[in-house]
Amino acid sequence: MYFAKVLTILCLLFAPAAAQAKMEVFKIDAQRNAVDHNNRGVIYMQDRYYAPAIKEFQMAVMLDPDTQASSVYYANLANCYMKIGYPALAQDTLQRAIKKNPMNLSLYQDLAVTFKRQNILEQKLKYYQKESRKNPLAQVMVGFILIEQGKDEAGIAKLQEFVYTEPDLIISNGVKKYINEHANPLDKLE
C-alpha cells in the first residue's frame, strides 16, 4: 500500500515533464512535410495513380500554402487534373500557382492549354487583352492564347512586345528563350 502511494506521487510529479518531453519530440516541420508529400505525389503521378497523387499535392498545399514553393505543388496538382480530364479544376489551380509565382513562364503556357481544352480561348483572349493595359504579365497570356489558337506569328509578336516593354522582369529571359526556340529565324531575339 505504501509503495502504491509513493508510485502515485512520483507519477504526478514527473508526468508534466514527461508530457512536455514527448511534445517536443513530435514537432512538425510543415514545409519539409509539404516537400515530402509533393515528392510522393510526383511518384504516384508518374505511376499514373492520379487520385493518391492529387491527395498528396493537396496535402502539400495545405501544409505550405503561403510560399513560392506552393506554386510547384499547385502546378503538379493542375497537371493531375488535366490528366484525368478536369481542365476547369486545372485552370483554377494554375491561377493560384501564378499568384504564388508570377515569374514562372510554364504556368502561363499550361493555363493557355486549359483554356483550349475548355473551348474558352476567345473569351479569355478578350479578357487578357483588356487586362494587359493594367498588368504587363497579361501580355504573356495573350501571346500563349494566340499560339494555342494556331496564330503562332501573332503570339510570338505579342511575346516580343512583352520582352521589349518589360526587359527587366525575371520572366523576360524565359520569354526570350521561348521566342528563340519557337520563332522563325528572322524573329529571334538577341
Protein backbone atom coordinates (compact mmCIF):
# COMPACT_ATOMS: atom_id res chain seq x y z
CA MET A 1 0.00 0.00 0.00
CA TYR A 2 2.80 2.37 0.92
CA PHE A 3 4.57 1.53 -2.36
CA ALA A 4 1.42 2.36 -4.37
CA LYS A 5 1.12 5.79 -2.70
CA VAL A 6 4.77 6.60 -3.41
CA LEU A 7 4.42 5.47 -7.01
CA THR A 8 1.32 7.63 -7.44
CA ILE A 9 3.11 10.68 -6.05
CA LEU A 10 6.12 10.09 -8.30
CA CYS A 11 3.88 9.77 -11.35
CA LEU A 12 2.12 13.01 -10.50
CA LEU A 13 5.42 14.82 -10.04
CA PHE A 14 7.07 13.62 -13.25
CA ALA A 15 4.05 13.36 -15.56
CA PRO A 16 4.09 17.02 -16.69
CA ALA A 17 7.82 16.84 -17.51
CA ALA A 18 7.34 13.61 -19.44
CA ALA A 19 4.40 15.08 -21.36
CA GLN A 20 6.47 18.13 -22.31
CA ALA A 21 9.36 15.96 -23.47
CA LYS A 22 7.02 13.98 -25.71
CA MET A 23 5.53 17.17 -27.17
CA GLU A 24 8.96 18.41 -28.19
CA VAL A 25 9.70 15.14 -29.97
CA PHE A 26 6.60 15.44 -32.15
CA LYS A 27 7.08 18.91 -33.62
CA ILE A 28 6.03 19.11 -37.24
CA ASP A 29 8.09 20.88 -39.88
CA ALA A 30 5.27 21.83 -42.26
CA GLN A 31 7.50 22.93 -45.13
CA ARG A 32 9.60 19.78 -45.04
CA ASN A 33 6.49 17.63 -44.84
CA ALA A 34 4.99 19.56 -47.76
CA VAL A 35 8.03 18.70 -49.85
CA ASP A 36 7.70 15.04 -48.81
CA HIS A 37 4.02 14.99 -49.82
CA ASN A 38 4.84 16.66 -53.12
CA ASN A 39 7.57 14.10 -53.84
CA ARG A 40 5.18 11.23 -53.08
CA GLY A 41 2.62 12.86 -55.35
CA VAL A 42 5.14 13.03 -58.17
CA ILE A 43 5.86 9.32 -57.80
CA TYR A 44 2.15 8.49 -57.82
CA MET A 45 1.64 10.70 -60.86
CA GLN A 46 4.49 9.03 -62.73
CA ASP A 47 2.87 5.68 -61.99
CA ARG A 48 -0.49 7.08 -63.16
CA TYR A 49 -2.12 6.79 -59.75
CA TYR A 50 -3.78 10.16 -60.05
CA ALA A 51 -6.20 10.03 -57.10
CA PRO A 52 -3.48 9.48 -54.49
CA ALA A 53 -1.24 11.97 -56.31
CA ILE A 54 -3.97 14.59 -56.07
CA LYS A 55 -4.33 13.93 -52.33
CA GLU A 56 -0.58 14.27 -51.82
CA PHE A 57 -0.40 17.56 -53.74
CA GLN A 58 -3.42 18.90 -51.84
CA MET A 59 -1.72 17.99 -48.58
CA ALA A 60 1.47 19.74 -49.70
CA VAL A 61 -0.51 22.90 -50.46
CA MET A 62 -2.32 22.74 -47.11
CA LEU A 63 0.95 22.34 -45.19
CA ASP A 64 2.78 25.14 -47.02
CA PRO A 65 0.21 27.46 -48.62
CA ASP A 66 1.98 30.80 -48.44
CA THR A 67 5.38 30.27 -50.02
CA GLN A 68 6.63 30.33 -53.56
CA ALA A 69 7.20 26.58 -53.32
CA SER A 70 3.45 26.07 -53.18
CA SER A 71 3.28 27.18 -56.82
CA VAL A 72 5.07 23.93 -57.69
CA TYR A 73 2.56 21.94 -55.67
CA TYR A 74 -0.31 23.75 -57.40
CA ALA A 75 1.26 23.13 -60.82
CA ASN A 76 1.62 19.42 -60.09
CA LEU A 77 -1.97 19.30 -58.89
CA ALA A 78 -3.11 21.02 -62.10
CA ASN A 79 -1.15 18.51 -64.15
CA CYS A 80 -3.06 15.67 -62.44
CA TYR A 81 -6.38 17.40 -63.08
CA MET A 82 -5.51 17.71 -66.77
CA LYS A 83 -4.52 14.04 -66.93
CA ILE A 84 -7.91 12.94 -65.58
CA GLY A 85 -9.86 15.33 -67.77
CA TYR A 86 -10.75 18.23 -65.47
CA PRO A 87 -9.35 21.35 -67.18
CA ALA A 88 -11.57 23.72 -65.16
CA LEU A 89 -10.00 22.49 -61.92
CA ALA A 90 -6.58 22.72 -63.54
CA GLN A 91 -7.34 26.30 -64.59
CA ASP A 92 -8.23 27.36 -61.05
CA THR A 93 -5.18 25.61 -59.65
CA LEU A 94 -2.83 27.17 -62.21
CA GLN A 95 -4.22 30.62 -61.49
CA ARG A 96 -3.37 30.05 -57.82
CA ALA A 97 0.12 28.92 -58.83
CA ILE A 98 0.62 32.07 -60.89
CA LYS A 99 -0.37 34.20 -57.89
CA LYS A 100 2.35 32.50 -55.86
CA ASN A 101 4.99 32.68 -58.60
CA PRO A 102 4.10 35.06 -61.44
CA MET A 103 7.56 34.71 -62.96
CA ASN A 104 7.18 31.04 -63.96
CA LEU A 105 6.63 31.01 -67.72
CA SER A 106 5.47 27.40 -67.95
CA LEU A 107 2.47 28.19 -65.74
CA TYR A 108 1.18 30.64 -68.36
CA GLN A 109 1.67 28.08 -71.13
CA ASP A 110 -0.19 25.43 -69.16
CA LEU A 111 -3.01 27.87 -68.36
CA ALA A 112 -3.49 28.60 -72.06
CA VAL A 113 -3.77 24.85 -72.68
CA THR A 114 -6.54 24.60 -70.07
CA PHE A 115 -8.41 27.39 -71.88
CA LYS A 116 -8.11 25.48 -75.14
CA ARG A 117 -9.38 22.25 -73.56
CA GLN A 118 -12.41 24.15 -72.24
CA ASN A 119 -13.04 25.90 -75.58
CA ILE A 120 -12.80 29.34 -73.98
CA LEU A 121 -9.76 30.72 -75.80
CA GLU A 122 -11.62 33.61 -77.46
CA GLN A 123 -13.30 34.66 -74.22
CA LYS A 124 -10.01 34.57 -72.31
CA LEU A 125 -8.18 36.37 -75.12
CA LYS A 126 -10.57 39.33 -74.77
CA TYR A 127 -10.18 39.31 -71.01
CA TYR A 128 -6.37 39.27 -71.07
CA GLN A 129 -6.16 41.87 -73.84
CA LYS A 130 -8.18 44.19 -71.64
CA GLU A 131 -6.16 43.22 -68.57
CA SER A 132 -2.84 43.83 -70.35
CA ARG A 133 -3.48 47.57 -70.19
CA LYS A 134 -3.04 47.35 -66.41
CA ASN A 135 -0.86 44.27 -65.98
CA PRO A 136 2.07 43.65 -68.34
CA LEU A 137 2.14 39.94 -67.45
CA ALA A 138 -1.27 39.62 -69.12
CA GLN A 139 0.59 40.17 -72.42
CA VAL A 140 2.29 36.83 -71.84
CA MET A 141 -1.12 35.19 -71.54
CA VAL A 142 -2.30 36.93 -74.72
CA GLY A 143 0.75 35.56 -76.53
CA PHE A 144 0.18 32.00 -75.39
CA ILE A 145 -3.55 32.14 -76.07
CA LEU A 146 -2.84 33.28 -79.63
CA ILE A 147 -0.36 30.42 -80.03
CA GLU A 148 -2.97 27.93 -78.75
CA GLN A 149 -5.40 29.35 -81.33
CA GLY A 150 -2.87 28.46 -84.03
CA LYS A 151 -1.85 32.09 -84.57
CA ASP A 152 1.81 31.45 -83.89
CA GLU A 153 3.19 34.59 -85.55
CA ALA A 154 0.77 36.88 -83.71
CA GLY A 155 1.52 35.09 -80.44
CA ILE A 156 5.28 35.39 -80.91
CA ALA A 157 4.82 39.07 -81.80
CA LYS A 158 2.90 39.65 -78.56
CA LEU A 159 5.62 37.87 -76.58
CA GLN A 160 8.26 40.00 -78.31
CA GLU A 161 6.29 43.12 -77.43
CA PHE A 162 6.29 41.99 -73.81
CA VAL A 163 10.07 41.49 -73.83
CA TYR A 164 10.64 44.94 -75.32
CA THR A 165 8.31 46.69 -72.88
CA GLU A 166 9.41 44.72 -69.78
CA PRO A 167 13.09 43.83 -70.29
CA ASP A 168 13.96 43.90 -66.58
CA LEU A 169 11.45 41.36 -65.31
CA ILE A 170 12.85 37.96 -64.41
CA ILE A 171 10.31 36.25 -66.66
CA SER A 172 11.52 38.22 -69.69
CA ASN A 173 14.58 35.99 -70.08
CA GLY A 174 12.34 32.92 -70.16
CA VAL A 175 10.11 34.58 -72.75
CA LYS A 176 13.19 35.41 -74.88
CA LYS A 177 14.30 31.79 -74.68
CA TYR A 178 10.83 30.60 -75.68
CA ILE A 179 10.79 33.00 -78.65
CA ASN A 180 14.21 31.86 -79.82
CA GLU A 181 13.18 28.21 -79.62
CA HIS A 182 9.82 28.63 -81.38
CA ALA A 183 10.11 31.61 -83.71
CA ASN A 184 11.20 31.82 -87.30
CA PRO A 185 14.96 32.52 -87.57
CA LEU A 186 14.29 36.15 -88.55
CA ASP A 187 12.16 36.75 -85.44
CA LYS A 188 14.71 35.54 -82.89
CA LEU A 189 15.87 37.90 -80.15
CA GLU A 190 19.42 38.57 -79.00
